[in-house]
């Protein structure tokens, strides 16, 4: 047994920190947990987690002058679990904002799944267990 208890965080390099924060906070509803005076990366809570490990998506600004990210990117996608009660409303919100939604089937689980892209082109899977 390895002793690993779960995934603590995924760190994404982003070109436009404001656009990325707006996407993950305002559109997907993740809560910013880093203090406002904290400079650099923005830490967002993606799930309930434990008091000291919050299942985070961390947005790390790319260095100024970094070329736009090109496909294929090293990260295939991140998956975020969505409550059954919230899934349809979130999909409708994304559609109303003109965000392209792609459907798919999880290879291991019976679930409702859609895929979207964040402002940097990272694929985000929204997965609902029902």
C-alpha atoms as a PDB file:
ATOM      1  CA  UNK A   1       0.000   0.000   0.000  1.00  0.00           C
ATOM      2  CA  UNK A   2       1.412   3.391  -0.991  1.00  0.00           C
ATOM      3  CA  UNK A   3      -0.221   5.582   1.635  1.00  0.00           C
ATOM      4  CA  UNK A   4      -1.516   8.011  -1.014  1.00  0.00           C
ATOM      5  CA  UNK A   5      -4.948   9.261   0.038  1.00  0.00           C
ATOM      6  CA  UNK A   6      -6.078  11.107  -3.062  1.00  0.00           C
ATOM      7  CA  UNK A   7      -5.279  13.857  -5.519  1.00  0.00           C
ATOM      8  CA  UNK A   8      -4.376  17.107  -3.766  1.00  0.00           C
ATOM      9  CA  UNK A   9      -4.022  19.461  -6.710  1.00  0.00           C
ATOM     10  CA  UNK A  10      -3.610  19.864 -10.436  1.00  0.00           C
ATOM     11  CA  UNK A  11      -1.509  22.852 -11.513  1.00  0.00           C
ATOM     12  CA  UNK A  12      -2.229  24.399 -14.913  1.00  0.00           C
ATOM     13  CA  UNK A  13       0.022  26.938 -16.630  1.00  0.00           C
ATOM     14  CA  UNK A  14      -2.210  29.699 -18.006  1.00  0.00           C
ATOM     15  CA  UNK A  15      -1.630  32.587 -20.397  1.00  0.00           C
ATOM     16  CA  UNK A  16      -4.301  34.944 -19.034  1.00  0.00           C
ATOM     17  CA  UNK A  17      -4.791  34.505 -15.278  1.00  0.00           C
ATOM     18  CA  UNK A  18      -7.896  36.755 -15.187  1.00  0.00           C
ATOM     19  CA  UNK A  19      -9.654  34.835 -17.961  1.00  0.00           C
ATOM     20  CA  UNK A  20      -8.753  31.518 -16.338  1.00  0.00           C
ATOM     21  CA  UNK A  21      -9.938  32.599 -12.891  1.00  0.00           C
ATOM     22  CA  UNK A  22     -13.189  33.858 -14.414  1.00  0.00           C
ATOM     23  CA  UNK A  23     -13.672  30.500 -16.161  1.00  0.00           C
ATOM     24  CA  UNK A  24     -12.973  28.251 -13.167  1.00  0.00           C
ATOM     25  CA  UNK A  25     -14.540  30.538 -10.518  1.00  0.00           C
ATOM     26  CA  UNK A  26     -17.419  32.267 -12.269  1.00  0.00           C
ATOM     27  CA  UNK A  27     -18.438  29.653 -14.834  1.00  0.00           C
ATOM     28  CA  UNK A  28     -17.570  26.353 -13.133  1.00  0.00           C
ATOM     29  CA  UNK A  29     -18.145  27.639  -9.593  1.00  0.00           C
ATOM     30  CA  UNK A  30     -14.826  26.682  -7.963  1.00  0.00           C
ATOM     31  CA  UNK A  31     -14.025  28.728  -4.866  1.00  0.00           C
ATOM     32  CA  UNK A  32     -10.807  30.749  -4.715  1.00  0.00           C
ATOM     33  CA  UNK A  33      -8.992  29.715  -1.519  1.00  0.00           C
ATOM     34  CA  UNK A  34      -5.757  31.674  -1.906  1.00  0.00           C
ATOM     35  CA  UNK A  35      -5.712  35.029  -0.102  1.00  0.00           C
ATOM     36  CA  UNK A  36      -6.377  38.072  -2.313  1.00  0.00           C
ATOM     37  CA  UNK A  37      -2.972  39.514  -1.401  1.00  0.00           C
ATOM     38  CA  UNK A  38      -1.247  36.298  -2.517  1.00  0.00           C
ATOM     39  CA  UNK A  39       0.773  37.024  -5.663  1.00  0.00           C
ATOM     40  CA  UNK A  40       1.286  34.540  -8.448  1.00  0.00           C
ATOM     41  CA  UNK A  41      -0.774  31.384  -8.678  1.00  0.00           C
ATOM     42  CA  UNK A  42      -4.479  31.269  -7.821  1.00  0.00           C
ATOM     43  CA  UNK A  43      -5.669  28.269  -5.812  1.00  0.00           C
ATOM     44  CA  UNK A  44      -9.269  27.130  -6.318  1.00  0.00           C
ATOM     45  CA  UNK A  45     -11.086  24.487  -4.296  1.00  0.00           C
ATOM     46  CA  UNK A  46     -12.556  21.695  -6.404  1.00  0.00           C
ATOM     47  CA  UNK A  47     -14.509  19.615  -3.927  1.00  0.00           C
ATOM     48  CA  UNK A  48     -14.895  19.408  -0.198  1.00  0.00           C
ATOM     49  CA  UNK A  49     -11.495  17.932   0.602  1.00  0.00           C
ATOM     50  CA  UNK A  50     -10.025  18.019   4.066  1.00  0.00           C
ATOM     51  CA  UNK A  51      -9.201  21.205   5.981  1.00  0.00           C
ATOM     52  CA  UNK A  52      -5.559  21.131   4.893  1.00  0.00           C
ATOM     53  CA  UNK A  53      -5.919  19.469   1.476  1.00  0.00           C
ATOM     54  CA  UNK A  54      -8.723  20.950  -0.590  1.00  0.00           C
ATOM     55  CA  UNK A  55      -8.626  19.078  -3.918  1.00  0.00           C
ATOM     56  CA  UNK A  56      -7.380  22.127  -5.783  1.00  0.00           C
ATOM     57  CA  UNK A  57      -7.023  23.363  -9.312  1.00  0.00           C
ATOM     58  CA  UNK A  58      -4.099  25.783  -9.241  1.00  0.00           C
ATOM     59  CA  UNK A  59      -3.745  28.372 -12.005  1.00  0.00           C
ATOM     60  CA  UNK A  60      -0.088  29.321 -12.419  1.00  0.00           C
ATOM     61  CA  UNK A  61       0.605  32.279 -14.699  1.00  0.00           C
ATOM     62  CA  UNK A  62       3.043  31.593 -17.516  1.00  0.00           C
ATOM     63  CA  UNK A  63       6.117  33.823 -17.603  1.00  0.00           C
ATOM     64  CA  UNK A  64       5.593  37.030 -19.569  1.00  0.00           C
ATOM     65  CA  UNK A  65       6.447  36.530 -23.215  1.00  0.00           C
ATOM     66  CA  UNK A  66       5.660  32.812 -23.178  1.00  0.00           C
ATOM     67  CA  UNK A  67       4.433  31.702 -26.591  1.00  0.00           C
ATOM     68  CA  UNK A  68       0.791  30.649 -26.826  1.00  0.00           C
ATOM     69  CA  UNK A  69       0.319  26.982 -25.978  1.00  0.00           C
ATOM     70  CA  UNK A  70       0.259  24.674 -28.982  1.00  0.00           C
ATOM     71  CA  UNK A  71      -1.459  21.337 -29.487  1.00  0.00           C
ATOM     72  CA  UNK A  72      -0.784  18.713 -28.471  1.00  0.00           C
ATOM     73  CA  UNK A  73      -0.421  19.890 -24.913  1.00  0.00           C
ATOM     74  CA  UNK A  74       1.138  17.541 -22.382  1.00  0.00           C
ATOM     75  CA  UNK A  75      -2.028  17.533 -20.239  1.00  0.00           C
ATOM     76  CA  UNK A  76      -4.815  15.508 -21.836  1.00  0.00           C
ATOM     77  CA  UNK A  77      -7.588  16.802 -19.553  1.00  0.00           C
ATOM     78  CA  UNK A  78      -8.720  17.263 -15.991  1.00  0.00           C
ATOM     79  CA  UNK A  79     -11.958  15.741 -14.721  1.00  0.00           C
ATOM     80  CA  UNK A  80     -14.257  17.453 -12.245  1.00  0.00           C
ATOM     81  CA  UNK A  81     -17.089  15.570 -10.557  1.00  0.00           C
ATOM     82  CA  UNK A  82     -20.412  17.417 -10.615  1.00  0.00           C
ATOM     83  CA  UNK A  83     -23.368  16.703  -8.314  1.00  0.00           C
ATOM     84  CA  UNK A  84     -26.281  15.000 -10.036  1.00  0.00           C
ATOM     85  CA  UNK A  85     -28.627  17.850  -9.034  1.00  0.00           C
ATOM     86  CA  UNK A  86     -26.307  20.501 -10.549  1.00  0.00           C
ATOM     87  CA  UNK A  87     -25.181  18.757 -13.742  1.00  0.00           C
ATOM     88  CA  UNK A  88     -28.020  19.768 -16.099  1.00  0.00           C
ATOM     89  CA  UNK A  89     -28.023  23.370 -14.840  1.00  0.00           C
ATOM     90  CA  UNK A  90     -24.260  23.659 -15.356  1.00  0.00           C
ATOM     91  CA  UNK A  91     -24.489  22.240 -18.884  1.00  0.00           C
ATOM     92  CA  UNK A  92     -27.312  24.691 -19.668  1.00  0.00           C
ATOM     93  CA  UNK A  93     -25.229  27.577 -18.291  1.00  0.00           C
ATOM     94  CA  UNK A  94     -22.264  26.586 -20.451  1.00  0.00           C
ATOM     95  CA  UNK A  95     -24.500  26.380 -23.521  1.00  0.00           C
ATOM     96  CA  UNK A  96     -26.025  29.801 -22.779  1.00  0.00           C
ATOM     97  CA  UNK A  97     -22.487  31.244 -22.667  1.00  0.00           C
ATOM     98  CA  UNK A  98     -21.712  29.792 -26.085  1.00  0.00           C
ATOM     99  CA  UNK A  99     -19.133  27.343 -24.755  1.00  0.00           C
ATOM    100  CA  UNK A 100     -18.685  24.347 -27.050  1.00  0.00           C
ATOM    101  CA  UNK A 101     -19.794  21.162 -25.304  1.00  0.00           C
ATOM    102  CA  UNK A 102     -18.651  17.757 -26.443  1.00  0.00           C
ATOM    103  CA  UNK A 103     -20.265  14.606 -25.133  1.00  0.00           C
ATOM    104  CA  UNK A 104     -18.493  11.389 -24.392  1.00  0.00           C
ATOM    105  CA  UNK A 105     -18.622   8.155 -22.486  1.00  0.00           C
ATOM    106  CA  UNK A 106     -16.277   7.397 -19.641  1.00  0.00           C
ATOM    107  CA  UNK A 107     -14.319   4.223 -20.450  1.00  0.00           C
ATOM    108  CA  UNK A 108     -14.723   2.730 -16.955  1.00  0.00           C
ATOM    109  CA  UNK A 109     -17.817   4.201 -15.315  1.00  0.00           C
ATOM    110  CA  UNK A 110     -21.464   4.589 -16.179  1.00  0.00           C
ATOM    111  CA  UNK A 111     -21.842   8.348 -15.941  1.00  0.00           C
ATOM    112  CA  UNK A 112     -23.037  11.490 -17.664  1.00  0.00           C
ATOM    113  CA  UNK A 113     -20.012  13.238 -19.109  1.00  0.00           C
ATOM    114  CA  UNK A 114     -19.348  16.379 -21.136  1.00  0.00           C
ATOM    115  CA  UNK A 115     -16.082  17.993 -22.203  1.00  0.00           C
ATOM    116  CA  UNK A 116     -15.289  21.695 -22.583  1.00  0.00           C
ATOM    117  CA  UNK A 117     -12.130  23.744 -23.060  1.00  0.00           C
ATOM    118  CA  UNK A 118     -10.789  26.356 -20.657  1.00  0.00           C
ATOM    119  CA  UNK A 119      -9.388  29.681 -21.997  1.00  0.00           C
ATOM    120  CA  UNK A 120      -5.987  28.051 -22.643  1.00  0.00           C
ATOM    121  CA  UNK A 121      -7.423  25.105 -24.546  1.00  0.00           C
ATOM    122  CA  UNK A 122      -7.088  22.623 -21.674  1.00  0.00           C
ATOM    123  CA  UNK A 123      -9.847  20.063 -21.864  1.00  0.00           C
ATOM    124  CA  UNK A 124     -12.060  19.876 -18.784  1.00  0.00           C
ATOM    125  CA  UNK A 125     -14.272  16.845 -18.237  1.00  0.00           C
ATOM    126  CA  UNK A 126     -17.414  17.360 -16.195  1.00  0.00           C
ATOM    127  CA  UNK A 127     -18.564  14.006 -14.930  1.00  0.00           C
ATOM    128  CA  UNK A 128     -21.720  13.117 -13.053  1.00  0.00           C
ATOM    129  CA  UNK A 129     -22.058   9.680 -11.451  1.00  0.00           C
ATOM    130  CA  UNK A 130     -25.729   9.284 -12.440  1.00  0.00           C
END
